[in-house]
C-alpha atoms as a PDB file:
ATOM      1  CA  VAL A   1    -164.893-165.703  56.794  1.00  0.00           C
ATOM      2  CA  THR A   2    -167.582-166.430  54.452  1.00  0.00           C
ATOM      3  CA  VAL A   3    -169.766-169.145  56.096  1.00  0.00           C
ATOM      4  CA  TYR A   4    -172.412-170.663  53.690  1.00  0.00           C
ATOM      5  CA  ASP A   5    -175.128-171.972  55.334  1.00  0.00           C
ATOM      6  CA  GLY A   6    -176.746-173.653  52.364  1.00  0.00           C
ATOM      7  CA  GLY A   7    -178.974-172.504  49.397  1.00  0.00           C
ATOM      8  CA  TYR A   8    -177.969-168.973  48.445  1.00  0.00           C
ATOM      9  CA  ASP A   9    -177.153-167.626  52.413  1.00  0.00           C
ATOM     10  CA  LEU A  10    -174.175-166.532  53.339  1.00  0.00           C
ATOM     11  CA  THR A  11    -172.524-164.650  56.542  1.00  0.00           C
ATOM     12  CA  VAL A  12    -169.305-162.637  56.549  1.00  0.00           C
ATOM     13  CA  TRP A  13    -167.612-162.328  59.858  1.00  0.00           C
ATOM     14  CA  SER A  14    -164.289-160.287  60.240  1.00  0.00           C
ATOM     15  CA  GLU A  15    -162.047-159.485  63.482  1.00  0.00           C
ATOM     16  CA  THR A  16    -159.464-156.913  63.064  1.00  0.00           C
ATOM     17  CA  PHE A  17    -156.260-157.101  65.537  1.00  0.00           C
ATOM     18  CA  ASP A  18    -154.058-154.624  67.170  1.00  0.00           C
ATOM     19  CA  LEU A  19    -151.033-156.698  66.109  1.00  0.00           C
ATOM     20  CA  SER A  20    -148.868-154.825  69.061  1.00  0.00           C
ATOM     21  CA  ASN A  21    -150.926-156.563  71.670  1.00  0.00           C
ATOM     22  CA  GLY A  22    -153.282-158.701  69.918  1.00  0.00           C
ATOM     23  CA  GLY A  23    -156.431-157.177  71.347  1.00  0.00           C
ATOM     24  CA  ARG A  24    -159.299-156.610  68.820  1.00  0.00           C
ATOM     25  CA  LEU A  25    -160.033-153.579  67.453  1.00  0.00           C
ATOM     26  CA  THR A  26    -163.433-151.785  66.745  1.00  0.00           C
ATOM     27  CA  LEU A  27    -164.396-148.860  64.766  1.00  0.00           C
ATOM     28  CA  ASP A  28    -164.514-147.166  67.549  1.00  0.00           C
ATOM     29  CA  ASP A  29    -160.364-147.681  68.132  1.00  0.00           C
ATOM     30  CA  VAL A  30    -159.232-146.918  64.725  1.00  0.00           C
ATOM     31  CA  PHE A  31    -161.071-143.471  64.332  1.00  0.00           C
ATOM     32  CA  SER A  32    -160.123-140.089  66.387  1.00  0.00           C
ATOM     33  CA  ALA A  33    -163.354-138.820  66.056  1.00  0.00           C
ATOM     34  CA  PRO A  34    -166.743-139.798  67.588  1.00  0.00           C
ATOM     35  CA  ASP A  35    -168.849-142.547  66.205  1.00  0.00           C
ATOM     36  CA  SER A  36    -171.259-139.810  64.493  1.00  0.00           C
ATOM     37  CA  ALA A  37    -168.577-138.033  62.656  1.00  0.00           C
ATOM     38  CA  TYR A  38    -166.859-140.927  61.284  1.00  0.00           C
ATOM     39  CA  LEU A  39    -169.951-143.034  60.449  1.00  0.00           C
ATOM     40  CA  GLU A  40    -170.816-139.724  58.881  1.00  0.00           C
ATOM     41  CA  VAL A  41    -167.425-139.947  56.370  1.00  0.00           C
ATOM     42  CA  LEU A  42    -168.131-143.255  55.609  1.00  0.00           C
ATOM     43  CA  SER A  43    -171.680-143.232  54.650  1.00  0.00           C
ATOM     44  CA  TRP A  44    -170.727-140.742  51.556  1.00  0.00           C
ATOM     45  CA  THR A  45    -168.447-143.328  50.302  1.00  0.00           C
ATOM     46  CA  VAL A  46    -171.307-145.747  50.558  1.00  0.00           C
ATOM     47  CA  LYS A  47    -173.902-143.272  49.297  1.00  0.00           C
ATOM     48  CA  ASP A  48    -171.959-142.435  46.365  1.00  0.00           C
ATOM     49  CA  THR A  49    -171.465-146.066  45.610  1.00  0.00           C
ATOM     50  CA  ILE A  50    -175.172-146.848  45.762  1.00  0.00           C
ATOM     51  CA  ASN A  51    -176.060-143.835  43.676  1.00  0.00           C
ATOM     52  CA  ALA A  52    -173.952-144.975  40.809  1.00  0.00           C
ATOM     53  CA  ASP A  53    -175.985-148.165  40.696  1.00  0.00           C
ATOM     54  CA  ILE A  54    -179.130-147.514  41.973  1.00  0.00           C
ATOM     55  CA  GLU A  55    -181.132-150.112  40.113  1.00  0.00           C
ATOM     56  CA  HIS A  56    -178.755-153.134  41.973  1.00  0.00           C
ATOM     57  CA  TYR A  57    -179.802-151.825  45.612  1.00  0.00           C
ATOM     58  CA  TYR A  58    -183.187-151.197  47.324  1.00  0.00           C
ATOM     59  CA  PRO A  59    -184.444-148.069  46.789  1.00  0.00           C
ATOM     60  CA  GLU A  60    -184.374-146.538  50.065  1.00  0.00           C
ATOM     61  CA  SER A  61    -180.402-148.032  50.869  1.00  0.00           C
ATOM     62  CA  ALA A  62    -178.488-144.471  50.134  1.00  0.00           C
ATOM     63  CA  ASN A  63    -180.562-142.985  53.148  1.00  0.00           C
ATOM     64  CA  THR A  64    -180.309-145.568  55.522  1.00  0.00           C
ATOM     65  CA  PHE A  65    -176.399-146.214  55.982  1.00  0.00           C
ATOM     66  CA  LEU A  66    -176.791-144.959  59.564  1.00  0.00           C
ATOM     67  CA  GLN A  67    -179.679-147.495  60.353  1.00  0.00           C
ATOM     68  CA  THR A  68    -178.421-150.366  58.871  1.00  0.00           C
ATOM     69  CA  PHE A  69    -174.467-150.785  58.914  1.00  0.00           C
ATOM     70  CA  GLN A  70    -173.486-153.048  61.902  1.00  0.00           C
ATOM     71  CA  LYS A  71    -170.196-151.730  63.111  1.00  0.00           C
ATOM     72  CA  ASP A  72    -168.518-155.103  63.307  1.00  0.00           C
ATOM     73  CA  ASP A  73    -168.796-155.287  59.794  1.00  0.00           C
ATOM     74  CA  PHE A  74    -165.471-154.167  58.420  1.00  0.00           C
ATOM     75  CA  CYS A  75    -161.902-154.884  58.241  1.00  0.00           C
ATOM     76  CA  LEU A  76    -158.795-152.969  57.982  1.00  0.00           C
ATOM     77  CA  CYS A  77    -156.900-153.769  53.901  1.00  0.00           C
ATOM     78  CA  GLU A  78    -154.245-152.779  52.356  1.00  0.00           C
ATOM     79  CA  GLU A  79    -156.268-150.379  49.797  1.00  0.00           C
ATOM     80  CA  GLY A  80    -158.776-149.374  52.825  1.00  0.00           C
ATOM     81  CA  ILE A  81    -161.247-149.859  55.045  1.00  0.00           C
ATOM     82  CA  LEU A  82    -163.783-152.799  53.599  1.00  0.00           C
ATOM     83  CA  LEU A  83    -167.190-152.088  54.949  1.00  0.00           C
ATOM     84  CA  TYR A  84    -169.647-154.800  54.063  1.00  0.00           C
ATOM     85  CA  PHE A  85    -173.698-155.470  54.582  1.00  0.00           C
ATOM     86  CA  GLN A  86    -174.816-158.904  55.354  1.00  0.00           C
ATOM     87  CA  GLN A  87    -177.006-160.398  52.249  1.00  0.00           C
ATOM     88  CA  GLY A  88    -180.309-159.120  51.716  1.00  0.00           C
ATOM     89  CA  ILE A  89    -179.888-155.966  53.931  1.00  0.00           C
ATOM     90  CA  ILE A  90    -179.208-153.162  51.346  1.00  0.00           C
ATOM     91  CA  SER A  91    -180.008-155.087  48.101  1.00  0.00           C
ATOM     92  CA  SER A  92    -181.448-158.497  47.117  1.00  0.00           C
ATOM     93  CA  ALA A  93    -180.317-161.366  48.895  1.00  0.00           C
ATOM     94  CA  VAL A  94    -179.555-163.360  45.430  1.00  0.00           C
ATOM     95  CA  ASN A  95    -176.577-160.312  45.362  1.00  0.00           C
ATOM     96  CA  GLY A  96    -175.006-162.132  48.616  1.00  0.00           C
ATOM     97  CA  PRO A  97    -172.999-159.804  50.870  1.00  0.00           C
ATOM     98  CA  GLU A  98    -172.405-155.970  49.427  1.00  0.00           C
ATOM     99  CA  PRO A  99    -168.964-154.815  50.058  1.00  0.00           C
ATOM    100  CA  PHE A 100    -167.946-151.270  50.007  1.00  0.00           C
ATOM    101  CA  MET A 101    -164.290-150.563  50.206  1.00  0.00           C
ATOM    102  CA  VAL A 102    -163.300-146.958  51.478  1.00  0.00           C
ATOM    103  CA  SER A 103    -159.691-145.380  50.706  1.00  0.00           C
ATOM    104  CA  TYR A 104    -157.644-144.282  53.633  1.00  0.00           C
ATOM    105  CA  ASP A 105    -156.995-141.021  52.129  1.00  0.00           C
ATOM    106  CA  THR A 106    -161.103-140.254  52.189  1.00  0.00           C
ATOM    107  CA  VAL A 107    -160.549-140.766  56.239  1.00  0.00           C
ATOM    108  CA  LYS A 108    -157.147-139.582  56.711  1.00  0.00           C
ATOM    109  CA  GLU A 109    -158.501-136.574  59.067  1.00  0.00           C
ATOM    110  CA  ILE A 110    -160.019-138.587  61.095  1.00  0.00           C
ATOM    111  CA  PHE A 111    -158.307-142.224  61.046  1.00  0.00           C
ATOM    112  CA  ARG A 112    -155.740-142.767  64.174  1.00  0.00           C
ATOM    113  CA  LEU A 113    -152.671-143.859  62.940  1.00  0.00           C
ATOM    114  CA  TRP A 114    -150.521-146.043  64.884  1.00  0.00           C
END
C-alpha cells in the first residue's frame, strides 16, 4: 500500500501473511538464521545496487543498511523479497521510496521454506 499525503510525500506500508493460518509474517519468521545473519545477506544486495548507481543515493547509504532498514519494510513476491526504504532515508525525498529486490536464490541457504 502506498499512501500519498500531498506534495511529494509518499509512505509505503506492507504486510505479509502466512496463508496456512492467516498470521502476520515478519522477516524473523521467513529466515532460519538469526537476524544478524540474514540482515547481513540482505545488505549485500542493497549495497551492490547502491554502489552501482551511487550518484542516486546519499553517499553513506551503502554502509548504513543495518542502521536505517526497518524490518517491517518488506514483502514476499514471486521474484524474491522486496525490501524498501521510506522516502528520504537513503536518497533524496524527491526519489520516493527506494525498492530493492533480493532474489530467493540469494537467500536460499537461510530462507525458511514451508
